C-alpha atoms as a PDB file:
ATOM      1  CA  MET A   1     -23.317 -47.008-115.943  1.00  0.00           C
ATOM      2  CA  ALA A   2     -24.366 -45.407-119.194  1.00  0.00           C
ATOM      3  CA  ASP A   3     -22.634 -42.144-120.093  1.00  0.00           C
ATOM      4  CA  LYS A   4     -25.964 -40.304-120.246  1.00  0.00           C
ATOM      5  CA  GLN A   5     -26.258 -40.825-116.484  1.00  0.00           C
ATOM      6  CA  ALA A   6     -22.833 -39.358-115.681  1.00  0.00           C
ATOM      7  CA  THR A   7     -22.809 -36.272-113.499  1.00  0.00           C
ATOM      8  CA  ALA A   8     -20.536 -33.247-113.348  1.00  0.00           C
ATOM      9  CA  GLN A   9     -17.001 -34.033-112.224  1.00  0.00           C
ATOM     10  CA  PHE A  10     -14.670 -31.956-110.038  1.00  0.00           C
ATOM     11  CA  LYS A  11     -11.960 -32.267-107.404  1.00  0.00           C
ATOM     12  CA  ILE A  12     -12.383 -31.982-103.652  1.00  0.00           C
ATOM     13  CA  GLY A  13      -9.130 -31.166-101.956  1.00  0.00           C
ATOM     14  CA  GLU A  14      -5.946 -32.222-103.706  1.00  0.00           C
ATOM     15  CA  LYS A  15      -6.598 -35.915-104.316  1.00  0.00           C
ATOM     16  CA  VAL A  16     -10.326 -36.698-104.425  1.00  0.00           C
ATOM     17  CA  THR A  17     -12.193 -36.595-107.736  1.00  0.00           C
ATOM     18  CA  ILE A  18     -15.943 -36.998-107.579  1.00  0.00           C
ATOM     19  CA  GLY A  19     -18.629 -37.376-110.229  1.00  0.00           C
ATOM     20  CA  GLY A  20     -18.543 -38.281-113.884  1.00  0.00           C
ATOM     21  CA  ASN A  21     -18.139 -42.021-113.974  1.00  0.00           C
ATOM     22  CA  GLN A  22     -15.488 -42.156-111.259  1.00  0.00           C
ATOM     23  CA  PRO A  23     -15.541 -44.826-108.530  1.00  0.00           C
ATOM     24  CA  PHE A  24     -17.554 -43.809-105.504  1.00  0.00           C
ATOM     25  CA  VAL A  25     -16.117 -41.582-102.804  1.00  0.00           C
ATOM     26  CA  LEU A  26     -16.676 -42.365 -99.126  1.00  0.00           C
ATOM     27  CA  ILE A  27     -17.786 -39.524 -96.833  1.00  0.00           C
ATOM     28  CA  ALA A  28     -17.459 -40.853 -93.297  1.00  0.00           C
ATOM     29  CA  GLY A  29     -16.827 -40.024 -89.667  1.00  0.00           C
ATOM     30  CA  PRO A  30     -18.668 -39.667 -86.373  1.00  0.00           C
ATOM     31  CA  CYS A  31     -21.958 -37.798 -86.191  1.00  0.00           C
ATOM     32  CA  VAL A  32     -20.626 -35.163 -83.817  1.00  0.00           C
ATOM     33  CA  ILE A  33     -17.245 -34.208 -82.382  1.00  0.00           C
ATOM     34  CA  GLU A  34     -17.490 -35.829 -78.958  1.00  0.00           C
ATOM     35  CA  SER A  35     -13.801 -35.400 -78.192  1.00  0.00           C
ATOM     36  CA  GLU A  36     -10.510 -34.791 -79.963  1.00  0.00           C
ATOM     37  CA  GLN A  37      -9.401 -38.334 -79.147  1.00  0.00           C
ATOM     38  CA  LEU A  38     -12.491 -39.909 -80.724  1.00  0.00           C
ATOM     39  CA  VAL A  39     -12.126 -37.852 -83.895  1.00  0.00           C
ATOM     40  CA  MET A  40      -8.421 -38.548 -84.334  1.00  0.00           C
ATOM     41  CA  GLU A  41      -8.766 -42.268 -83.677  1.00  0.00           C
ATOM     42  CA  THR A  42     -11.706 -42.570 -86.055  1.00  0.00           C
ATOM     43  CA  ALA A  43      -9.939 -40.600 -88.786  1.00  0.00           C
ATOM     44  CA  GLU A  44      -6.849 -42.786 -88.441  1.00  0.00           C
ATOM     45  CA  LYS A  45      -8.879 -45.983 -88.725  1.00  0.00           C
ATOM     46  CA  LEU A  46     -10.902 -44.674 -91.664  1.00  0.00           C
ATOM     47  CA  LYS A  47      -7.754 -43.705 -93.539  1.00  0.00           C
ATOM     48  CA  GLU A  48      -6.283 -47.142 -92.872  1.00  0.00           C
ATOM     49  CA  ILE A  49      -9.392 -48.917 -94.203  1.00  0.00           C
ATOM     50  CA  THR A  50      -9.869 -46.738 -97.290  1.00  0.00           C
ATOM     51  CA  THR A  51      -6.175 -46.797 -98.195  1.00  0.00           C
ATOM     52  CA  LYS A  52      -6.286 -50.597 -98.082  1.00  0.00           C
ATOM     53  CA  LEU A  53      -9.432 -50.703-100.237  1.00  0.00           C
ATOM     54  CA  GLU A  54      -8.339 -47.835-102.523  1.00  0.00           C
ATOM     55  CA  ILE A  55     -11.491 -45.813-101.830  1.00  0.00           C
ATOM     56  CA  PRO A  56     -11.215 -41.989-101.822  1.00  0.00           C
ATOM     57  CA  LEU A  57     -12.175 -40.580 -98.413  1.00  0.00           C
ATOM     58  CA  ILE A  58     -13.656 -37.299 -97.191  1.00  0.00           C
ATOM     59  CA  PHE A  59     -13.715 -37.109 -93.394  1.00  0.00           C
ATOM     60  CA  LYS A  60     -16.848 -35.695 -91.782  1.00  0.00           C
ATOM     61  CA  ALA A  61     -17.785 -34.632 -88.271  1.00  0.00           C
ATOM     62  CA  SER A  62     -20.122 -31.940 -86.955  1.00  0.00           C
ATOM     63  CA  PHE A  63     -19.045 -29.303 -84.447  1.00  0.00           C
ATOM     64  CA  ASP A  64     -22.686 -28.514 -83.670  1.00  0.00           C
ATOM     65  CA  LYS A  65     -25.853 -30.572 -84.058  1.00  0.00           C
ATOM     66  CA  ALA A  66     -28.370 -27.748 -84.007  1.00  0.00           C
ATOM     67  CA  ASN A  67     -31.410 -29.900 -84.788  1.00  0.00           C
ATOM     68  CA  ARG A  68     -31.330 -32.323 -81.858  1.00  0.00           C
ATOM     69  CA  THR A  69     -34.635 -33.731 -80.641  1.00  0.00           C
ATOM     70  CA  ALA A  70     -34.550 -32.264 -77.118  1.00  0.00           C
ATOM     71  CA  LEU A  71     -32.958 -29.239 -75.461  1.00  0.00           C
ATOM     72  CA  GLY A  72     -30.744 -31.356 -73.245  1.00  0.00           C
ATOM     73  CA  SER A  73     -29.276 -33.424 -76.084  1.00  0.00           C
ATOM     74  CA  PHE A  74     -25.525 -33.192 -76.680  1.00  0.00           C
ATOM     75  CA  ARG A  75     -24.784 -30.749 -79.520  1.00  0.00           C
ATOM     76  CA  GLY A  76     -20.992 -30.692 -79.661  1.00  0.00           C
ATOM     77  CA  GLY A  77     -18.205 -28.474 -78.419  1.00  0.00           C
ATOM     78  CA  GLY A  78     -18.906 -25.525 -80.684  1.00  0.00           C
ATOM     79  CA  GLN A  79     -17.396 -23.951 -83.763  1.00  0.00           C
ATOM     80  CA  GLU A  80     -14.039 -22.742 -82.478  1.00  0.00           C
ATOM     81  CA  ASP A  81     -12.925 -25.974 -80.840  1.00  0.00           C
ATOM     82  CA  GLY A  82     -14.530 -28.084 -83.551  1.00  0.00           C
ATOM     83  CA  LEU A  83     -12.667 -26.351 -86.342  1.00  0.00           C
ATOM     84  CA  ARG A  84      -9.413 -26.675 -84.410  1.00  0.00           C
ATOM     85  CA  ILE A  85      -9.905 -30.438 -84.194  1.00  0.00           C
ATOM     86  CA  LEU A  86     -10.906 -30.735 -87.850  1.00  0.00           C
ATOM     87  CA  ALA A  87      -7.841 -28.732 -88.879  1.00  0.00           C
ATOM     88  CA  LYS A  88      -5.716 -31.211 -86.932  1.00  0.00           C
ATOM     89  CA  VAL A  89      -7.300 -34.087 -88.864  1.00  0.00           C
ATOM     90  CA  LYS A  90      -6.417 -32.399 -92.142  1.00  0.00           C
ATOM     91  CA  GLN A  91      -2.860 -31.698 -91.018  1.00  0.00           C
ATOM     92  CA  GLU A  92      -2.118 -35.200 -89.706  1.00  0.00           C
ATOM     93  CA  PHE A  93      -4.015 -37.355 -92.200  1.00  0.00           C
ATOM     94  CA  LYS A  94      -4.104 -35.148 -95.317  1.00  0.00           C
ATOM     95  CA  LEU A  95      -7.835 -35.714 -95.776  1.00  0.00           C
ATOM     96  CA  PRO A  96     -10.430 -33.339 -97.232  1.00  0.00           C
ATOM     97  CA  LEU A  97     -13.088 -32.375 -94.679  1.00  0.00           C
ATOM     98  CA  LEU A  98     -16.870 -31.945 -94.560  1.00  0.00           C
ATOM     99  CA  THR A  99     -18.973 -30.361 -91.826  1.00  0.00           C
ATOM    100  CA  ASP A 100     -22.410 -28.788 -91.392  1.00  0.00           C
ATOM    101  CA  ILE A 101     -23.277 -25.122 -91.206  1.00  0.00           C
ATOM    102  CA  HIS A 102     -26.550 -23.791 -89.809  1.00  0.00           C
ATOM    103  CA  HIS A 103     -26.221 -20.013 -90.127  1.00  0.00           C
ATOM    104  CA  PRO A 104     -25.103 -17.867 -93.103  1.00  0.00           C
ATOM    105  CA  GLU A 105     -22.384 -16.187 -91.035  1.00  0.00           C
ATOM    106  CA  GLN A 106     -20.726 -19.572 -90.455  1.00  0.00           C
ATOM    107  CA  ALA A 107     -19.996 -20.183 -94.138  1.00  0.00           C
ATOM    108  CA  GLY A 108     -16.911 -17.970 -94.412  1.00  0.00           C
ATOM    109  CA  PRO A 109     -14.970 -19.036 -91.307  1.00  0.00           C
ATOM    110  CA  VAL A 110     -15.917 -22.687 -91.580  1.00  0.00           C
ATOM    111  CA  GLY A 111     -14.942 -22.663 -95.254  1.00  0.00           C
ATOM    112  CA  GLU A 112     -11.446 -21.571 -94.273  1.00  0.00           C
ATOM    113  CA  VAL A 113     -10.903 -24.994 -92.693  1.00  0.00           C
ATOM    114  CA  VAL A 114     -13.113 -27.529 -94.488  1.00  0.00           C
ATOM    115  CA  ASP A 115     -13.453 -28.477 -98.143  1.00  0.00           C
ATOM    116  CA  VAL A 116     -17.198 -29.205 -98.199  1.00  0.00           C
ATOM    117  CA  LEU A 117     -19.910 -27.120 -96.539  1.00  0.00           C
ATOM    118  CA  GLN A 118     -22.927 -29.273 -95.786  1.00  0.00           C
ATOM    119  CA  ILE A 119     -26.459 -27.893 -95.704  1.00  0.00           C
ATOM    120  CA  PRO A 120     -28.607 -29.965 -93.304  1.00  0.00           C
ATOM    121  CA  ALA A 121     -31.775 -31.502 -94.716  1.00  0.00           C
ATOM    122  CA  PHE A 122     -34.077 -29.471 -92.484  1.00  0.00           C
ATOM    123  CA  LEU A 123     -32.434 -26.273 -93.798  1.00  0.00           C
ATOM    124  CA  CYS A 124     -32.128 -27.157 -97.479  1.00  0.00           C
ATOM    125  CA  ARG A 125     -34.556 -24.447 -98.626  1.00  0.00           C
ATOM    126  CA  GLN A 126     -33.034 -21.667 -96.498  1.00  0.00           C
ATOM    127  CA  THR A 127     -32.037 -19.239 -99.241  1.00  0.00           C
ATOM    128  CA  ASP A 128     -29.678 -17.072 -97.191  1.00  0.00           C
ATOM    129  CA  LEU A 129     -27.766 -20.133 -95.995  1.00  0.00           C
ATOM    130  CA  LEU A 130     -27.448 -21.546 -99.509  1.00  0.00           C
ATOM    131  CA  VAL A 131     -26.317 -18.250-100.989  1.00  0.00           C
ATOM    132  CA  ALA A 132     -23.738 -17.748 -98.235  1.00  0.00           C
ATOM    133  CA  ALA A 133     -22.304 -21.212 -98.834  1.00  0.00           C
ATOM    134  CA  ALA A 134     -22.243 -20.568-102.579  1.00  0.00           C
ATOM    135  CA  ALA A 135     -20.224 -17.389-102.011  1.00  0.00           C
ATOM    136  CA  THR A 136     -17.289 -19.432-100.700  1.00  0.00           C
ATOM    137  CA  PRO A 137     -14.947 -21.329-103.031  1.00  0.00           C
ATOM    138  CA  LYS A 138     -15.921 -24.567-101.317  1.00  0.00           C
ATOM    139  CA  VAL A 139     -18.023 -27.507-102.483  1.00  0.00           C
ATOM    140  CA  VAL A 140     -21.604 -27.325-101.186  1.00  0.00           C
ATOM    141  CA  ASN A 141     -23.327 -30.569-100.205  1.00  0.00           C
ATOM    142  CA  ILE A 142     -27.091 -30.126 -99.965  1.00  0.00           C
ATOM    143  CA  LYS A 143     -29.043 -32.816 -98.155  1.00  0.00           C
ATOM    144  CA  LYS A 144     -32.498 -33.355 -99.613  1.00  0.00           C
ATOM    145  CA  GLY A 145     -35.154 -32.476 -97.076  1.00  0.00           C
ATOM    146  CA  GLN A 146     -37.170 -35.392 -95.754  1.00  0.00           C
ATOM    147  CA  PHE A 147     -40.202 -33.425 -96.908  1.00  0.00           C
ATOM    148  CA  LEU A 148     -39.143 -32.883-100.544  1.00  0.00           C
ATOM    149  CA  ALA A 149     -39.596 -34.851-103.732  1.00  0.00           C
ATOM    150  CA  PRO A 150     -36.307 -35.532-105.584  1.00  0.00           C
ATOM    151  CA  TRP A 151     -37.260 -33.271-108.500  1.00  0.00           C
ATOM    152  CA  ASP A 152     -37.942 -30.416-106.082  1.00  0.00           C
ATOM    153  CA  MET A 153     -34.204 -30.302-105.413  1.00  0.00           C
ATOM    154  CA  LYS A 154     -33.701 -28.684-108.807  1.00  0.00           C
ATOM    155  CA  ASN A 155     -34.852 -25.359-107.362  1.00  0.00           C
ATOM    156  CA  VAL A 156     -32.738 -25.823-104.246  1.00  0.00           C
ATOM    157  CA  VAL A 157     -29.636 -26.564-106.304  1.00  0.00           C
ATOM    158  CA  GLY A 158     -30.470 -23.581-108.516  1.00  0.00           C
ATOM    159  CA  LYS A 159     -30.084 -21.217-105.565  1.00  0.00           C
ATOM    160  CA  VAL A 160     -26.438 -22.283-105.295  1.00  0.00           C
ATOM    161  CA  SER A 161     -25.592 -22.559-108.993  1.00  0.00           C
ATOM    162  CA  GLN A 162     -27.265 -19.241-109.840  1.00  0.00           C
ATOM    163  CA  SER A 163     -25.202 -17.666-107.067  1.00  0.00           C
ATOM    164  CA  GLY A 164     -22.053 -18.621-108.948  1.00  0.00           C
ATOM    165  CA  ASN A 165     -21.017 -21.942-107.432  1.00  0.00           C
ATOM    166  CA  GLU A 166     -21.231 -25.033-109.635  1.00  0.00           C
ATOM    167  CA  ARG A 167     -19.379 -27.355-107.243  1.00  0.00           C
ATOM    168  CA  ILE A 168     -22.462 -28.974-105.753  1.00  0.00           C
ATOM    169  CA  LEU A 169     -23.310 -32.362-104.235  1.00  0.00           C
ATOM    170  CA  VAL A 170     -26.881 -33.552-103.689  1.00  0.00           C
ATOM    171  CA  THR A 171     -27.583 -36.079-100.939  1.00  0.00           C
ATOM    172  CA  GLU A 172     -30.486 -38.492-100.540  1.00  0.00           C
ATOM    173  CA  ARG A 173     -31.183 -39.257 -96.863  1.00  0.00           C
ATOM    174  CA  GLY A 174     -34.663 -40.740 -96.814  1.00  0.00           C
ATOM    175  CA  THR A 175     -38.198 -39.377 -96.979  1.00  0.00           C
ATOM    176  CA  SER A 176     -40.726 -38.978 -94.177  1.00  0.00           C
ATOM    177  CA  PHE A 177     -43.241 -41.820 -94.178  1.00  0.00           C
ATOM    178  CA  GLY A 178     -45.829 -41.327 -91.487  1.00  0.00           C
ATOM    179  CA  TYR A 179     -44.724 -40.635 -87.934  1.00  0.00           C
ATOM    180  CA  ASN A 180     -41.158 -41.387 -86.704  1.00  0.00           C
ATOM    181  CA  ASN A 181     -40.244 -43.197 -89.889  1.00  0.00           C
ATOM    182  CA  LEU A 182     -38.274 -42.729 -93.106  1.00  0.00           C
ATOM    183  CA  VAL A 183     -38.243 -44.700 -96.340  1.00  0.00           C
ATOM    184  CA  VAL A 184     -35.840 -44.636 -99.270  1.00  0.00           C
ATOM    185  CA  ASP A 185     -37.234 -44.467-102.791  1.00  0.00           C
ATOM    186  CA  LEU A 186     -34.278 -45.627-104.856  1.00  0.00           C
ATOM    187  CA  THR A 187     -35.790 -44.182-108.020  1.00  0.00           C
ATOM    188  CA  GLY A 188     -35.133 -40.837-106.336  1.00  0.00           C
ATOM    189  CA  LEU A 189     -31.424 -41.382-106.954  1.00  0.00           C
ATOM    190  CA  VAL A 190     -32.174 -41.563-110.676  1.00  0.00           C
ATOM    191  CA  GLU A 191     -34.200 -38.350-110.477  1.00  0.00           C
ATOM    192  CA  LEU A 192     -31.443 -36.557-108.550  1.00  0.00           C
ATOM    193  CA  ARG A 193     -28.885 -37.551-111.206  1.00  0.00           C
ATOM    194  CA  LYS A 194     -30.977 -35.754-113.807  1.00  0.00           C
ATOM    195  CA  ILE A 195     -30.146 -32.455-112.076  1.00  0.00           C
ATOM    196  CA  GLY A 196     -26.581 -33.030-113.218  1.00  0.00           C
ATOM    197  CA  TYR A 197     -24.476 -32.857-110.065  1.00  0.00           C
ATOM    198  CA  PRO A 198     -22.824 -35.712-108.143  1.00  0.00           C
ATOM    199  CA  VAL A 199     -25.307 -37.727-106.091  1.00  0.00           C
ATOM    200  CA  VAL A 200     -24.544 -38.907-102.561  1.00  0.00           C
ATOM    201  CA  PHE A 201     -26.438 -41.609-100.697  1.00  0.00           C
ATOM    202  CA  ASP A 202     -26.581 -41.202 -96.932  1.00  0.00           C
ATOM    203  CA  GLY A 203     -26.824 -44.767 -95.726  1.00  0.00           C
ATOM    204  CA  THR A 204     -26.993 -44.018 -92.021  1.00  0.00           C
ATOM    205  CA  HIS A 205     -29.457 -41.125 -91.738  1.00  0.00           C
ATOM    206  CA  SER A 206     -31.756 -43.006 -94.110  1.00  0.00           C
ATOM    207  CA  VAL A 207     -32.365 -45.631 -91.424  1.00  0.00           C
ATOM    208  CA  GLN A 208     -33.245 -43.116 -88.705  1.00  0.00           C
ATOM    209  CA  LYS A 209     -36.445 -43.193 -86.690  1.00  0.00           C
ATOM    210  CA  PRO A 210     -36.770 -39.427 -86.100  1.00  0.00           C
ATOM    211  CA  GLY A 211     -37.807 -38.795 -82.520  1.00  0.00           C
ATOM    212  CA  GLY A 212     -38.335 -42.536 -82.255  1.00  0.00           C
ATOM    213  CA  GLN A 213     -36.989 -42.772 -78.708  1.00  0.00           C
ATOM    214  CA  GLY A 214     -39.081 -39.955 -77.299  1.00  0.00           C
ATOM    215  CA  THR A 215     -36.326 -37.479 -76.451  1.00  0.00           C
ATOM    216  CA  SER A 216     -33.865 -38.731 -79.060  1.00  0.00           C
ATOM    217  CA  THR A 217     -33.744 -40.259 -82.515  1.00  0.00           C
ATOM    218  CA  GLY A 218     -33.831 -44.013 -82.987  1.00  0.00           C
ATOM    219  CA  GLY A 219     -32.709 -46.068 -85.943  1.00  0.00           C
ATOM    220  CA  ASN A 220     -32.087 -49.483 -87.504  1.00  0.00           C
ATOM    221  CA  ARG A 221     -28.379 -49.734 -88.257  1.00  0.00           C
ATOM    222  CA  GLU A 222     -28.802 -53.326 -89.441  1.00  0.00           C
ATOM    223  CA  TYR A 223     -30.417 -51.945 -92.614  1.00  0.00           C
ATOM    224  CA  VAL A 224     -27.497 -49.683 -93.563  1.00  0.00           C
ATOM    225  CA  GLU A 225     -25.700 -52.459 -95.434  1.00  0.00           C
ATOM    226  CA  TYR A 226     -28.723 -53.371 -97.545  1.00  0.00           C
ATOM    227  CA  LEU A 227     -29.652 -49.824 -98.509  1.00  0.00           C
ATOM    228  CA  SER A 228     -26.028 -48.939 -99.297  1.00  0.00           C
ATOM    229  CA  ARG A 229     -25.666 -51.954-101.573  1.00  0.00           C
ATOM    230  CA  ALA A 230     -28.940 -51.124-103.308  1.00  0.00           C
ATOM    231  CA  ALA A 231     -27.945 -47.483-103.803  1.00  0.00           C
ATOM    232  CA  ALA A 232     -24.626 -48.517-105.349  1.00  0.00           C
ATOM    233  CA  ALA A 233     -26.528 -50.767-107.755  1.00  0.00           C
ATOM    234  CA  VAL A 234     -28.675 -47.827-108.870  1.00  0.00           C
ATOM    235  CA  GLY A 235     -25.615 -45.590-109.226  1.00  0.00           C
ATOM    236  CA  ILE A 236     -24.073 -43.091-106.808  1.00  0.00           C
ATOM    237  CA  ASP A 237     -21.055 -40.815-106.802  1.00  0.00           C
ATOM    238  CA  ALA A 238     -20.475 -40.964-103.052  1.00  0.00           C
ATOM    239  CA  LEU A 239     -21.614 -42.918-100.016  1.00  0.00           C
ATOM    240  CA  PHE A 240     -22.143 -41.046 -96.750  1.00  0.00           C
ATOM    241  CA  LEU A 241     -21.811 -43.163 -93.601  1.00  0.00           C
ATOM    242  CA  GLU A 242     -21.554 -42.070 -90.012  1.00  0.00           C
ATOM    243  CA  THR A 243     -19.405 -44.411 -87.948  1.00  0.00           C
ATOM    244  CA  HIS A 244     -18.280 -44.763 -84.350  1.00  0.00           C
ATOM    245  CA  PRO A 245     -16.101 -47.209 -82.409  1.00  0.00           C
ATOM    246  CA  ASP A 246     -19.001 -47.900 -80.022  1.00  0.00           C
ATOM    247  CA  PRO A 247     -22.298 -46.609 -81.487  1.00  0.00           C
ATOM    248  CA  ASP A 248     -24.340 -47.753 -78.500  1.00  0.00           C
ATOM    249  CA  ARG A 249     -22.428 -45.251 -76.357  1.00  0.00           C
ATOM    250  CA  ALA A 250     -22.380 -42.446 -78.944  1.00  0.00           C
ATOM    251  CA  LEU A 251     -23.712 -39.054 -77.881  1.00  0.00           C
ATOM    252  CA  SER A 252     -25.672 -38.487 -81.109  1.00  0.00           C
ATOM    253  CA  ASP A 253     -27.321 -40.785 -83.672  1.00  0.00           C
ATOM    254  CA  GLY A 254     -25.903 -43.961 -82.149  1.00  0.00           C
ATOM    255  CA  PRO A 255     -28.779 -46.253 -83.246  1.00  0.00           C
ATOM    256  CA  ASN A 256     -28.075 -45.664 -86.943  1.00  0.00           C
ATOM    257  CA  MET A 257     -24.278 -45.349 -86.991  1.00  0.00           C
ATOM    258  CA  VAL A 258     -22.132 -48.197 -88.321  1.00  0.00           C
ATOM    259  CA  LYS A 259     -19.688 -49.768 -85.898  1.00  0.00           C
ATOM    260  CA  LEU A 260     -16.202 -48.790 -87.056  1.00  0.00           C
ATOM    261  CA  ASP A 261     -14.944 -52.376 -86.954  1.00  0.00           C
ATOM    262  CA  ALA A 262     -17.760 -53.472 -89.288  1.00  0.00           C
ATOM    263  CA  LEU A 263     -17.135 -50.822 -91.921  1.00  0.00           C
ATOM    264  CA  GLU A 264     -14.487 -52.581 -93.993  1.00  0.00           C
ATOM    265  CA  GLU A 265     -16.678 -55.527 -94.971  1.00  0.00           C
ATOM    266  CA  LEU A 266     -19.559 -53.216 -95.906  1.00  0.00           C
ATOM    267  CA  LEU A 267     -17.272 -51.113 -98.106  1.00  0.00           C
ATOM    268  CA  LYS A 268     -15.884 -54.169 -99.881  1.00  0.00           C
ATOM    269  CA  MET A 269     -19.402 -55.122-100.986  1.00  0.00           C
ATOM    270  CA  VAL A 270     -20.298 -51.592-102.059  1.00  0.00           C
ATOM    271  CA  LYS A 271     -17.052 -51.229-104.007  1.00  0.00           C
ATOM    272  CA  GLY A 272     -17.673 -54.462-105.903  1.00  0.00           C
ATOM    273  CA  ILE A 273     -21.171 -53.365-106.911  1.00  0.00           C
ATOM    274  CA  ASP A 274     -20.011 -49.859-107.807  1.00  0.00           C
ATOM    275  CA  LEU A 275     -17.248 -51.135-110.087  1.00  0.00           C
ATOM    276  CA  TYR A 276     -19.570 -53.614-111.779  1.00  0.00           C
ATOM    277  CA  ILE A 277     -22.173 -50.942-112.517  1.00  0.00           C
ATOM    278  CA  LYS A 278     -19.701 -48.348-113.744  1.00  0.00           C
ATOM    279  CA  ASP A 279     -17.861 -50.854-115.917  1.00  0.00           C
ATOM    280  CA  GLY A 280     -21.136 -51.565-117.718  1.00  0.00           C
ATOM    281  CA  GLY A 281     -21.601 -54.976-116.112  1.00  0.00           C
ATOM    282  CA  GLN A 282     -18.330 -56.303-117.475  1.00  0.00           C
END
């Protein structure tokens, strides 16, 4: 990748460097914390895979999915128990952590445990939430709203940077295209890079069918591989993938999550493309 396309570079946790022209970082884990056992087993397997492939890993899981389709949908076990489980992941596997926040008052306490505070796409223009996240010393990952053009994220990012935090990630996760459908405009990744901060491609949420199952979200997980490979060819700093040992039985976002056992082969392909692009095609 040409130097003019390089983004800002900084560390996340003690060992992960993201941005610049560094190899891509994987952000991965289950959509929601279903149980302590699921989280620990998934984290262990992810560390095993990424250690083998020499891919930096940030573990992600949500303690609350506040934007579920229906009232009766599973949201998670809540902040207190969720943070306890995430802290255990960090202690046992020495991995940096990412999780969502939905309210400004969550930023401080959640930031005491995790390394990256994630702003959900639906909330990406919520000024109070962005400013509260910026006030912590943590990295802020802002998901681009499904309703926004890539260049509109400049103003969103500005709310965080002008609040004193320059450790920002910007995530592409698809754009609304009619009813119950998303598309990915890969030129949007180029536009997001122009803002200057590391760009993340969310390969699993990009294949969602929002509300596509009536009372829950559908998806096409078979497309995750193709979009992830294409994004790596355009140029990304991180790949975001939700994964589960048995996605068909997952309590949230199962239709678009990657089966944990299939992840290694996908990552091998993405790594090869990423290295080729960043080595200038050599």
